[in-house]
Amino acid sequence: MPTRTISASRQERLDAIIEVLLADDTTSAQALAESFGISLMTVHRDLDELQRRGIVRKFRGGVSVARTSTYEISAPLRRRLSVAEKVAIAAAAARTVAPGSSILLDDSTTVAAMLDHLVDIEDLHVVTNYLPTLAALTRHGGSTVTGIGGTYDVGHESFLGLGAVDAIRALRVDVAFLSTTTVDVEGLYHQEESIVAVKSAMIRSARRRVLLADSTKFGTTSFHRICDWDVIHEVVTDTAAPAELLDTIRARGVRVTTVEPRPTENTTGRSECDAGADEDEENT
């Protein structure tokens, strides 16, 4: 298969189109053409390219970057959402990792944010199916790494399928850190059956299971249920999560940790955060 080459200028435009769609999901192709000073045909080619990557979803009369109860957005797009909250949540979760432990990291962008806090932990064994995490661990060195194989999924940037499930079932780790798209009073959910199979195997393979989920994921459901709360030991979220729902989760025997994002300005001008000093931990 020939390699697809995207010029730097076009890639910049593709990134800019994503930003526009994130700000206004009702933007039309015609409005995009006028905004970027390009032809309608060029806009449709750009949208086709973004759809090929799994970043946008085209439908008759429009285009969307929003997740639904049956459709999950791609990893490149998820990395742009709730960045401050994810960084704070990940930092709090990483502080619970003990030297000499084995941990399993799923393919979520929230869990991936733990990496910067894990690289200095001694004698750590990390298991993951997420390609960006594998690449980052290779660059950092220091940890023992087990990569979970399977069928590579471009949109999720991870290895899924029966091969991944079988590989996970053969392991037993100290802690699994995972995230998902939606949670409610009954449990955890995801839109895609293939993701549910892998996350379910991860949960069964771990002695302790920790859910990392920002506040936007609370109170709604997706098509497939992953598990009930009785198999989750701890939830780490941000302070904007609905208090009543968190109280109900605590009543199910789950430890809940909330963190306050602290915005800072990085070199690109994007808003990120560190975990706030006033982290709140609640025990049942």
C-alpha atoms as a PDB file:
ATOM      1  CA  MET A   1       0.000   0.000   0.000  1.00  0.00           C
ATOM      2  CA  PRO A   2       1.492   3.407  -0.955  1.00  0.00           C
ATOM      3  CA  THR A   3       2.249   5.870   1.838  1.00  0.00           C
ATOM      4  CA  ARG A   4      -0.125   8.825   2.062  1.00  0.00           C
ATOM      5  CA  THR A   5       1.738  12.140   2.204  1.00  0.00           C
ATOM      6  CA  ILE A   6       0.052  15.221   3.678  1.00  0.00           C
ATOM      7  CA  SER A   7       1.741  18.589   3.179  1.00  0.00           C
ATOM      8  CA  ALA A   8       2.536  20.676   6.242  1.00  0.00           C
ATOM      9  CA  SER A   9       0.201  23.454   5.077  1.00  0.00           C
ATOM     10  CA  ARG A  10      -2.677  21.045   4.592  1.00  0.00           C
ATOM     11  CA  GLN A  11      -2.060  19.434   7.963  1.00  0.00           C
ATOM     12  CA  GLU A  12      -2.218  22.872   9.571  1.00  0.00           C
ATOM     13  CA  ARG A  13      -5.556  23.455   7.840  1.00  0.00           C
ATOM     14  CA  LEU A  14      -6.864  20.064   8.973  1.00  0.00           C
ATOM     15  CA  ASP A  15      -5.907  20.919  12.557  1.00  0.00           C
ATOM     16  CA  ALA A  16      -7.611  24.301  12.215  1.00  0.00           C
ATOM     17  CA  ILE A  17     -10.787  22.682  10.847  1.00  0.00           C
ATOM     18  CA  ILE A  18     -10.904  20.396  13.876  1.00  0.00           C
ATOM     19  CA  GLU A  19     -10.623  23.409  16.193  1.00  0.00           C
ATOM     20  CA  VAL A  20     -13.504  25.122  14.376  1.00  0.00           C
ATOM     21  CA  LEU A  21     -15.688  22.017  14.627  1.00  0.00           C
ATOM     22  CA  LEU A  22     -14.899  21.624  18.314  1.00  0.00           C
ATOM     23  CA  ALA A  23     -16.030  25.200  18.898  1.00  0.00           C
ATOM     24  CA  ASP A  24     -19.157  24.881  16.715  1.00  0.00           C
ATOM     25  CA  ASP A  25     -20.321  21.431  15.710  1.00  0.00           C
ATOM     26  CA  THR A  26     -23.021  22.943  13.452  1.00  0.00           C
ATOM     27  CA  THR A  27     -20.526  24.597  11.080  1.00  0.00           C
ATOM     28  CA  SER A  28     -21.262  23.751   7.432  1.00  0.00           C
ATOM     29  CA  ALA A  29     -18.825  22.824   4.696  1.00  0.00           C
ATOM     30  CA  GLN A  30     -19.705  26.071   2.934  1.00  0.00           C
ATOM     31  CA  ALA A  31     -18.866  28.088   6.057  1.00  0.00           C
ATOM     32  CA  LEU A  32     -15.544  26.266   6.358  1.00  0.00           C
ATOM     33  CA  ALA A  33     -14.734  27.032   2.717  1.00  0.00           C
ATOM     34  CA  GLU A  34     -15.405  30.731   3.252  1.00  0.00           C
ATOM     35  CA  SER A  35     -13.499  30.803   6.535  1.00  0.00           C
ATOM     36  CA  PHE A  36     -10.341  29.241   5.073  1.00  0.00           C
ATOM     37  CA  GLY A  37     -10.589  30.808   1.623  1.00  0.00           C
ATOM     38  CA  ILE A  38     -10.688  27.479  -0.197  1.00  0.00           C
ATOM     39  CA  SER A  39     -13.114  25.778  -2.547  1.00  0.00           C
ATOM     40  CA  LEU A  40     -16.024  23.661  -1.375  1.00  0.00           C
ATOM     41  CA  MET A  41     -14.445  20.683  -3.142  1.00  0.00           C
ATOM     42  CA  THR A  42     -11.238  21.164  -1.139  1.00  0.00           C
ATOM     43  CA  VAL A  43     -13.207  21.317   2.109  1.00  0.00           C
ATOM     44  CA  HIS A  44     -14.925  18.031   1.293  1.00  0.00           C
ATOM     45  CA  ARG A  45     -11.559  16.432   0.514  1.00  0.00           C
ATOM     46  CA  ASP A  46     -10.270  17.656   3.887  1.00  0.00           C
ATOM     47  CA  LEU A  47     -13.345  16.308   5.673  1.00  0.00           C
ATOM     48  CA  ASP A  48     -12.978  12.995   3.844  1.00  0.00           C
ATOM     49  CA  GLU A  49      -9.377  12.793   5.071  1.00  0.00           C
ATOM     50  CA  LEU A  50     -10.432  13.540   8.651  1.00  0.00           C
ATOM     51  CA  GLN A  51     -13.163  10.906   8.410  1.00  0.00           C
ATOM     52  CA  ARG A  52     -10.641   8.379   7.064  1.00  0.00           C
ATOM     53  CA  ARG A  53      -8.591   8.984  10.208  1.00  0.00           C
ATOM     54  CA  GLY A  54     -11.684   8.492  12.341  1.00  0.00           C
ATOM     55  CA  ILE A  55     -11.596  12.067  13.641  1.00  0.00           C
ATOM     56  CA  VAL A  56     -14.891  13.335  12.214  1.00  0.00           C
ATOM     57  CA  ARG A  57     -18.110  11.655  11.151  1.00  0.00           C
ATOM     58  CA  LYS A  58     -19.710  12.834   7.905  1.00  0.00           C
ATOM     59  CA  PHE A  59     -23.402  12.408   7.317  1.00  0.00           C
ATOM     60  CA  ARG A  60     -25.939  13.754   4.836  1.00  0.00           C
ATOM     61  CA  GLY A  61     -26.051  17.493   5.340  1.00  0.00           C
ATOM     62  CA  GLY A  62     -23.231  17.884   7.828  1.00  0.00           C
ATOM     63  CA  VAL A  63     -20.228  16.694   9.809  1.00  0.00           C
ATOM     64  CA  SER A  64     -19.797  16.006  13.511  1.00  0.00           C
ATOM     65  CA  VAL A  65     -16.986  15.674  16.053  1.00  0.00           C
ATOM     66  CA  ALA A  66     -19.352  14.800  18.905  1.00  0.00           C
ATOM     67  CA  ARG A  67     -19.651  11.381  20.528  1.00  0.00           C
ATOM     68  CA  THR A  68     -23.083   9.803  20.753  1.00  0.00           C
ATOM     69  CA  SER A  69     -24.419   6.791  22.646  1.00  0.00           C
ATOM     70  CA  THR A  70     -23.354   4.572  19.727  1.00  0.00           C
ATOM     71  CA  TYR A  71     -20.373   6.484  18.257  1.00  0.00           C
ATOM     72  CA  GLU A  72     -17.041   7.234  19.941  1.00  0.00           C
ATOM     73  CA  ILE A  73     -14.684   9.934  18.712  1.00  0.00           C
ATOM     74  CA  SER A  74     -11.075   9.172  17.808  1.00  0.00           C
ATOM     75  CA  ALA A  75      -8.016   9.376  20.043  1.00  0.00           C
ATOM     76  CA  PRO A  76      -6.523  12.441  18.253  1.00  0.00           C
ATOM     77  CA  LEU A  77      -9.731  14.336  18.951  1.00  0.00           C
ATOM     78  CA  ARG A  78     -10.104  13.064  22.520  1.00  0.00           C
ATOM     79  CA  ARG A  79      -6.625  14.401  23.306  1.00  0.00           C
ATOM     80  CA  ARG A  80      -7.974  17.915  22.706  1.00  0.00           C
ATOM     81  CA  LEU A  81     -10.871  17.606  25.162  1.00  0.00           C
ATOM     82  CA  SER A  82     -10.883  18.337  28.923  1.00  0.00           C
ATOM     83  CA  VAL A  83      -7.087  18.607  28.917  1.00  0.00           C
ATOM     84  CA  ALA A  84      -6.796  20.376  32.281  1.00  0.00           C
ATOM     85  CA  GLU A  85      -9.045  17.889  34.016  1.00  0.00           C
ATOM     86  CA  LYS A  86      -7.266  14.869  32.512  1.00  0.00           C
ATOM     87  CA  VAL A  87      -3.827  16.084  33.567  1.00  0.00           C
ATOM     88  CA  ALA A  88      -4.963  16.696  37.154  1.00  0.00           C
ATOM     89  CA  ILE A  89      -6.741  13.340  37.367  1.00  0.00           C
ATOM     90  CA  ALA A  90      -3.760  11.473  35.927  1.00  0.00           C
ATOM     91  CA  ALA A  91      -1.314  13.146  38.324  1.00  0.00           C
ATOM     92  CA  ALA A  92      -3.442  12.132  41.313  1.00  0.00           C
ATOM     93  CA  ALA A  93      -3.722   8.545  40.074  1.00  0.00           C
ATOM     94  CA  ALA A  94       0.017   8.271  39.457  1.00  0.00           C
ATOM     95  CA  ARG A  95       0.752   9.188  43.069  1.00  0.00           C
ATOM     96  CA  THR A  96      -0.870   5.914  44.143  1.00  0.00           C
ATOM     97  CA  VAL A  97       1.552   3.766  42.110  1.00  0.00           C
ATOM     98  CA  ALA A  98       4.097   1.987  44.303  1.00  0.00           C
ATOM     99  CA  PRO A  99       7.662   1.109  43.276  1.00  0.00           C
ATOM    100  CA  GLY A 100       8.017  -2.500  42.214  1.00  0.00           C
ATOM    101  CA  SER A 101       4.382  -2.868  41.149  1.00  0.00           C
ATOM    102  CA  SER A 102       2.849  -4.064  37.909  1.00  0.00           C
ATOM    103  CA  ILE A 103       0.244  -1.801  36.331  1.00  0.00           C
ATOM    104  CA  LEU A 104      -1.997  -2.018  33.299  1.00  0.00           C
ATOM    105  CA  LEU A 105      -2.798   1.163  31.356  1.00  0.00           C
ATOM    106  CA  ASP A 106      -5.663   1.145  28.871  1.00  0.00           C
ATOM    107  CA  ASP A 107      -5.880   3.096  25.599  1.00  0.00           C
ATOM    108  CA  SER A 108      -7.620   6.166  27.021  1.00  0.00           C
ATOM    109  CA  THR A 109      -6.106   9.628  26.675  1.00  0.00           C
ATOM    110  CA  THR A 110      -6.805  10.263  30.375  1.00  0.00           C
ATOM    111  CA  VAL A 111      -4.724   7.296  31.509  1.00  0.00           C
ATOM    112  CA  ALA A 112      -1.988   8.174  28.997  1.00  0.00           C
ATOM    113  CA  ALA A 113      -1.510  11.472  30.852  1.00  0.00           C
ATOM    114  CA  MET A 114      -0.075   9.470  33.787  1.00  0.00           C
ATOM    115  CA  LEU A 115       3.140   8.714  31.890  1.00  0.00           C
ATOM    116  CA  ASP A 116       5.150  11.797  32.871  1.00  0.00           C
ATOM    117  CA  HIS A 117       4.564  10.894  36.518  1.00  0.00           C
ATOM    118  CA  LEU A 118       5.486   7.221  36.168  1.00  0.00           C
ATOM    119  CA  VAL A 119       8.891   7.349  34.504  1.00  0.00           C
ATOM    120  CA  ASP A 120      10.835   7.907  37.753  1.00  0.00           C
ATOM    121  CA  ILE A 121       9.108   5.143  39.732  1.00  0.00           C
ATOM    122  CA  GLU A 122      11.605   2.345  40.337  1.00  0.00           C
ATOM    123  CA  ASP A 123      11.149  -1.248  39.209  1.00  0.00           C
ATOM    124  CA  LEU A 124       7.811  -0.576  37.521  1.00  0.00           C
ATOM    125  CA  HIS A 125       6.299  -3.050  35.061  1.00  0.00           C
ATOM    126  CA  VAL A 126       3.814  -1.432  32.665  1.00  0.00           C
ATOM    127  CA  VAL A 127       1.375  -3.337  30.450  1.00  0.00           C
ATOM    128  CA  THR A 128      -0.591  -1.507  27.732  1.00  0.00           C
ATOM    129  CA  ASN A 129      -2.316  -1.881  24.374  1.00  0.00           C
ATOM    130  CA  TYR A 130      -2.007   1.849  23.535  1.00  0.00           C
ATOM    131  CA  LEU A 131       0.614   2.551  20.863  1.00  0.00           C
ATOM    132  CA  PRO A 132       1.439   6.156  21.947  1.00  0.00           C
ATOM    133  CA  THR A 133       2.058   4.890  25.492  1.00  0.00           C
ATOM    134  CA  LEU A 134       4.328   2.117  24.216  1.00  0.00           C
ATOM    135  CA  ALA A 135       6.274   4.651  22.136  1.00  0.00           C
ATOM    136  CA  ALA A 136       6.628   7.070  25.056  1.00  0.00           C
ATOM    137  CA  LEU A 137       7.807   4.340  27.433  1.00  0.00           C
ATOM    138  CA  THR A 138      10.380   3.264  24.861  1.00  0.00           C
ATOM    139  CA  ARG A 139      11.750   6.817  24.678  1.00  0.00           C
ATOM    140  CA  HIS A 140      11.881   7.230  28.445  1.00  0.00           C
ATOM    141  CA  GLY A 141      13.262   3.791  29.307  1.00  0.00           C
ATOM    142  CA  GLY A 142      13.554   2.688  32.911  1.00  0.00           C
ATOM    143  CA  SER A 143      10.356   0.634  33.119  1.00  0.00           C
ATOM    144  CA  THR A 144       9.785  -2.943  32.045  1.00  0.00           C
ATOM    145  CA  VAL A 145       7.132  -2.843  29.322  1.00  0.00           C
ATOM    146  CA  THR A 146       4.747  -5.497  28.022  1.00  0.00           C
ATOM    147  CA  GLY A 147       2.886  -4.592  24.854  1.00  0.00           C
ATOM    148  CA  ILE A 148      -0.512  -6.179  24.281  1.00  0.00           C
ATOM    149  CA  GLY A 149      -0.853  -7.301  20.675  1.00  0.00           C
ATOM    150  CA  GLY A 150      -3.923  -7.813  18.549  1.00  0.00           C
ATOM    151  CA  THR A 151      -5.520  -6.006  15.629  1.00  0.00           C
ATOM    152  CA  TYR A 152      -4.413  -2.372  15.375  1.00  0.00           C
ATOM    153  CA  ASP A 153      -7.275   0.134  15.366  1.00  0.00           C
ATOM    154  CA  VAL A 154      -6.331   3.466  13.753  1.00  0.00           C
ATOM    155  CA  GLY A 155      -9.065   5.521  15.410  1.00  0.00           C
ATOM    156  CA  HIS A 156      -8.199   4.324  18.910  1.00  0.00           C
ATOM    157  CA  GLU A 157      -4.446   4.064  18.211  1.00  0.00           C
ATOM    158  CA  SER A 158      -4.469   0.769  20.086  1.00  0.00           C
ATOM    159  CA  PHE A 159      -4.486  -3.012  19.705  1.00  0.00           C
ATOM    160  CA  LEU A 160      -7.897  -4.626  20.069  1.00  0.00           C
ATOM    161  CA  GLY A 161      -9.690  -7.827  19.085  1.00  0.00           C
ATOM    162  CA  LEU A 162      -9.425 -11.435  20.226  1.00  0.00           C
ATOM    163  CA  GLY A 163      -5.627 -11.336  20.190  1.00  0.00           C
ATOM    164  CA  ALA A 164      -5.608  -8.480  22.702  1.00  0.00           C
ATOM    165  CA  VAL A 165      -8.225 -10.133  24.911  1.00  0.00           C
ATOM    166  CA  ASP A 166      -6.309 -13.428  24.974  1.00  0.00           C
ATOM    167  CA  ALA A 167      -3.042 -11.643  25.817  1.00  0.00           C
ATOM    168  CA  ILE A 168      -4.655  -9.764  28.710  1.00  0.00           C
ATOM    169  CA  ARG A 169      -6.277 -12.914  30.095  1.00  0.00           C
ATOM    170  CA  ALA A 170      -2.826 -14.482  30.419  1.00  0.00           C
ATOM    171  CA  LEU A 171      -1.675 -11.707  32.785  1.00  0.00           C
ATOM    172  CA  ARG A 172      -2.259 -10.785  36.418  1.00  0.00           C
ATOM    173  CA  VAL A 173      -1.309  -7.234  37.426  1.00  0.00           C
ATOM    174  CA  ASP A 174      -1.433  -5.290  40.670  1.00  0.00           C
ATOM    175  CA  VAL A 175      -3.482  -2.356  39.364  1.00  0.00           C
ATOM    176  CA  ALA A 176      -5.440  -1.559  36.210  1.00  0.00           C
ATOM    177  CA  PHE A 177      -5.974   2.106  35.368  1.00  0.00           C
ATOM    178  CA  LEU A 178      -8.738   2.621  32.834  1.00  0.00           C
ATOM    179  CA  SER A 179     -11.224   5.150  31.585  1.00  0.00           C
ATOM    180  CA  THR A 180     -14.384   5.039  29.510  1.00  0.00           C
ATOM    181  CA  THR A 181     -16.822   7.335  27.739  1.00  0.00           C
ATOM    182  CA  THR A 182     -19.794   7.387  30.123  1.00  0.00           C
ATOM    183  CA  VAL A 183     -20.694   6.377  33.680  1.00  0.00           C
ATOM    184  CA  ASP A 184     -23.921   6.483  35.645  1.00  0.00           C
ATOM    185  CA  VAL A 185     -25.328   5.140  38.901  1.00  0.00           C
ATOM    186  CA  GLU A 186     -25.336   1.592  37.535  1.00  0.00           C
ATOM    187  CA  GLY A 187     -21.805   1.364  36.152  1.00  0.00           C
ATOM    188  CA  LEU A 188     -19.435   1.988  33.235  1.00  0.00           C
ATOM    189  CA  TYR A 189     -20.340   2.100  29.527  1.00  0.00           C
ATOM    190  CA  HIS A 190     -18.806   2.379  26.073  1.00  0.00           C
ATOM    191  CA  GLN A 191     -20.141   2.667  22.534  1.00  0.00           C
ATOM    192  CA  GLU A 192     -18.050  -0.079  20.942  1.00  0.00           C
ATOM    193  CA  GLU A 193     -18.252  -3.800  21.631  1.00  0.00           C
ATOM    194  CA  SER A 194     -14.584  -4.364  20.782  1.00  0.00           C
ATOM    195  CA  ILE A 195     -13.516  -1.829  23.427  1.00  0.00           C
ATOM    196  CA  VAL A 196     -15.834  -3.368  26.014  1.00  0.00           C
ATOM    197  CA  ALA A 197     -14.275  -6.802  25.481  1.00  0.00           C
ATOM    198  CA  VAL A 198     -10.754  -5.468  26.029  1.00  0.00           C
ATOM    199  CA  LYS A 199     -11.608  -3.320  29.064  1.00  0.00           C
ATOM    200  CA  SER A 200     -13.576  -6.172  30.644  1.00  0.00           C
ATOM    201  CA  ALA A 201     -10.536  -8.429  30.280  1.00  0.00           C
ATOM    202  CA  MET A 202      -8.354  -5.710  31.832  1.00  0.00           C
ATOM    203  CA  ILE A 203     -10.660  -5.448  34.829  1.00  0.00           C
ATOM    204  CA  ARG A 204     -10.592  -9.207  35.388  1.00  0.00           C
ATOM    205  CA  SER A 205      -6.782  -9.300  35.126  1.00  0.00           C
ATOM    206  CA  ALA A 206      -6.139  -6.786  37.927  1.00  0.00           C
ATOM    207  CA  ARG A 207      -6.180  -7.110  41.698  1.00  0.00           C
ATOM    208  CA  ARG A 208      -7.140  -3.420  41.999  1.00  0.00           C
ATOM    209  CA  ARG A 209      -9.116  -1.416  39.442  1.00  0.00           C
ATOM    210  CA  VAL A 210      -9.072   2.377  39.225  1.00  0.00           C
ATOM    211  CA  LEU A 211     -11.346   4.408  36.954  1.00  0.00           C
ATOM    212  CA  LEU A 212     -10.086   7.786  35.733  1.00  0.00           C
ATOM    213  CA  ALA A 213     -12.950   9.880  34.349  1.00  0.00           C
ATOM    214  CA  ASP A 214     -13.433  13.619  33.987  1.00  0.00           C
ATOM    215  CA  SER A 215     -16.719  15.192  35.026  1.00  0.00           C
ATOM    216  CA  THR A 216     -18.153  15.348  31.471  1.00  0.00           C
ATOM    217  CA  LYS A 217     -18.511  11.555  31.479  1.00  0.00           C
ATOM    218  CA  PHE A 218     -20.820  11.335  34.487  1.00  0.00           C
ATOM    219  CA  GLY A 219     -24.586  10.942  34.285  1.00  0.00           C
ATOM    220  CA  THR A 220     -24.987   9.451  30.795  1.00  0.00           C
ATOM    221  CA  THR A 221     -24.811   5.994  29.254  1.00  0.00           C
ATOM    222  CA  SER A 222     -23.519   4.448  26.046  1.00  0.00           C
ATOM    223  CA  PHE A 223     -24.772   1.398  24.169  1.00  0.00           C
ATOM    224  CA  HIS A 224     -22.661  -1.291  25.893  1.00  0.00           C
ATOM    225  CA  ARG A 225     -22.155  -1.812  29.619  1.00  0.00           C
ATOM    226  CA  ILE A 226     -18.599  -2.651  30.660  1.00  0.00           C
ATOM    227  CA  CYS A 227     -19.201  -3.479  34.313  1.00  0.00           C
ATOM    228  CA  ASP A 228     -21.049  -2.592  37.492  1.00  0.00           C
ATOM    229  CA  TRP A 229     -19.509  -0.582  40.340  1.00  0.00           C
ATOM    230  CA  ASP A 230     -18.910  -3.679  42.452  1.00  0.00           C
ATOM    231  CA  VAL A 231     -15.735  -4.485  40.475  1.00  0.00           C
ATOM    232  CA  ILE A 232     -14.257  -0.956  40.655  1.00  0.00           C
ATOM    233  CA  HIS A 233     -12.180  -0.064  43.719  1.00  0.00           C
ATOM    234  CA  GLU A 234     -11.536   3.642  43.158  1.00  0.00           C
ATOM    235  CA  VAL A 235     -12.654   6.557  40.992  1.00  0.00           C
ATOM    236  CA  VAL A 236     -10.518   9.636  40.355  1.00  0.00           C
ATOM    237  CA  THR A 237     -12.371  12.596  38.847  1.00  0.00           C
ATOM    238  CA  ASP A 238     -12.470  16.387  38.987  1.00  0.00           C
ATOM    239  CA  THR A 239     -14.488  18.578  41.321  1.00  0.00           C
ATOM    240  CA  ALA A 240     -17.107  19.408  38.674  1.00  0.00           C
ATOM    241  CA  ALA A 241     -18.486  15.842  38.751  1.00  0.00           C
ATOM    242  CA  PRO A 242     -22.069  15.710  40.084  1.00  0.00           C
ATOM    243  CA  ALA A 243     -21.909  15.398  43.875  1.00  0.00           C
ATOM    244  CA  GLU A 244     -25.096  13.341  44.218  1.00  0.00           C
ATOM    245  CA  LEU A 245     -23.854  10.730  41.759  1.00  0.00           C
ATOM    246  CA  LEU A 246     -20.463  10.566  43.483  1.00  0.00           C
ATOM    247  CA  ASP A 247     -22.224  10.010  46.831  1.00  0.00           C
ATOM    248  CA  THR A 248     -24.161   7.123  45.308  1.00  0.00           C
ATOM    249  CA  ILE A 249     -20.934   5.608  43.969  1.00  0.00           C
ATOM    250  CA  ARG A 250     -19.334   5.910  47.414  1.00  0.00           C
ATOM    251  CA  ALA A 251     -22.335   4.105  48.884  1.00  0.00           C
ATOM    252  CA  ARG A 252     -21.522   1.206  46.552  1.00  0.00           C
ATOM    253  CA  GLY A 253     -18.192   0.766  48.357  1.00  0.00           C
ATOM    254  CA  VAL A 254     -16.038   2.673  45.860  1.00  0.00           C
ATOM    255  CA  ARG A 255     -13.400   5.132  47.043  1.00  0.00           C
ATOM    256  CA  VAL A 256     -13.810   8.501  45.299  1.00  0.00           C
ATOM    257  CA  THR A 257     -10.995  11.021  44.856  1.00  0.00           C
ATOM    258  CA  THR A 258     -11.710  14.458  43.406  1.00  0.00           C
ATOM    259  CA  VAL A 259      -9.071  16.910  42.184  1.00  0.00           C
ATOM    260  CA  GLU A 260      -9.194  20.600  41.353  1.00  0.00           C
ATOM    261  CA  PRO A 261      -7.493  21.460  38.041  1.00  0.00           C
ATOM    262  CA  ARG A 262      -5.052  24.361  38.246  1.00  0.00           C
ATOM    263  CA  PRO A 263      -4.667  26.112  34.877  1.00  0.00           C
ATOM    264  CA  THR A 264      -1.222  27.065  33.685  1.00  0.00           C
ATOM    265  CA  GLU A 265       0.039  28.394  30.368  1.00  0.00           C
ATOM    266  CA  ASN A 266       2.375  26.199  28.339  1.00  0.00           C
ATOM    267  CA  THR A 267       4.670  27.207  25.491  1.00  0.00           C
ATOM    268  CA  THR A 268       1.976  26.795  22.823  1.00  0.00           C
ATOM    269  CA  GLY A 269      -0.505  28.984  24.646  1.00  0.00           C
ATOM    270  CA  ARG A 270      -2.882  26.094  25.348  1.00  0.00           C
ATOM    271  CA  SER A 271      -4.380  25.864  28.819  1.00  0.00           C
ATOM    272  CA  GLU A 272      -3.182  22.859  30.792  1.00  0.00           C
ATOM    273  CA  CYS A 273      -2.999  22.153  34.493  1.00  0.00           C
ATOM    274  CA  ASP A 274      -1.317  20.429  37.344  1.00  0.00           C
ATOM    275  CA  ALA A 275      -3.160  18.712  40.164  1.00  0.00           C
ATOM    276  CA  GLY A 276      -4.390  21.316  42.635  1.00  0.00           C
ATOM    277  CA  ALA A 277      -2.991  21.395  46.121  1.00  0.00           C
ATOM    278  CA  ASP A 278      -6.469  21.034  47.639  1.00  0.00           C
ATOM    279  CA  GLU A 279      -7.069  17.508  46.420  1.00  0.00           C
ATOM    280  CA  ASP A 280     -10.067  15.955  48.147  1.00  0.00           C
ATOM    281  CA  GLU A 281     -10.164  12.263  49.044  1.00  0.00           C
ATOM    282  CA  GLU A 282     -13.324  10.595  50.278  1.00  0.00           C
ATOM    283  CA  ASN A 283     -13.386   7.097  51.739  1.00  0.00           C
ATOM    284  CA  THR A 284     -16.414   4.934  52.211  1.00  0.00           C
END
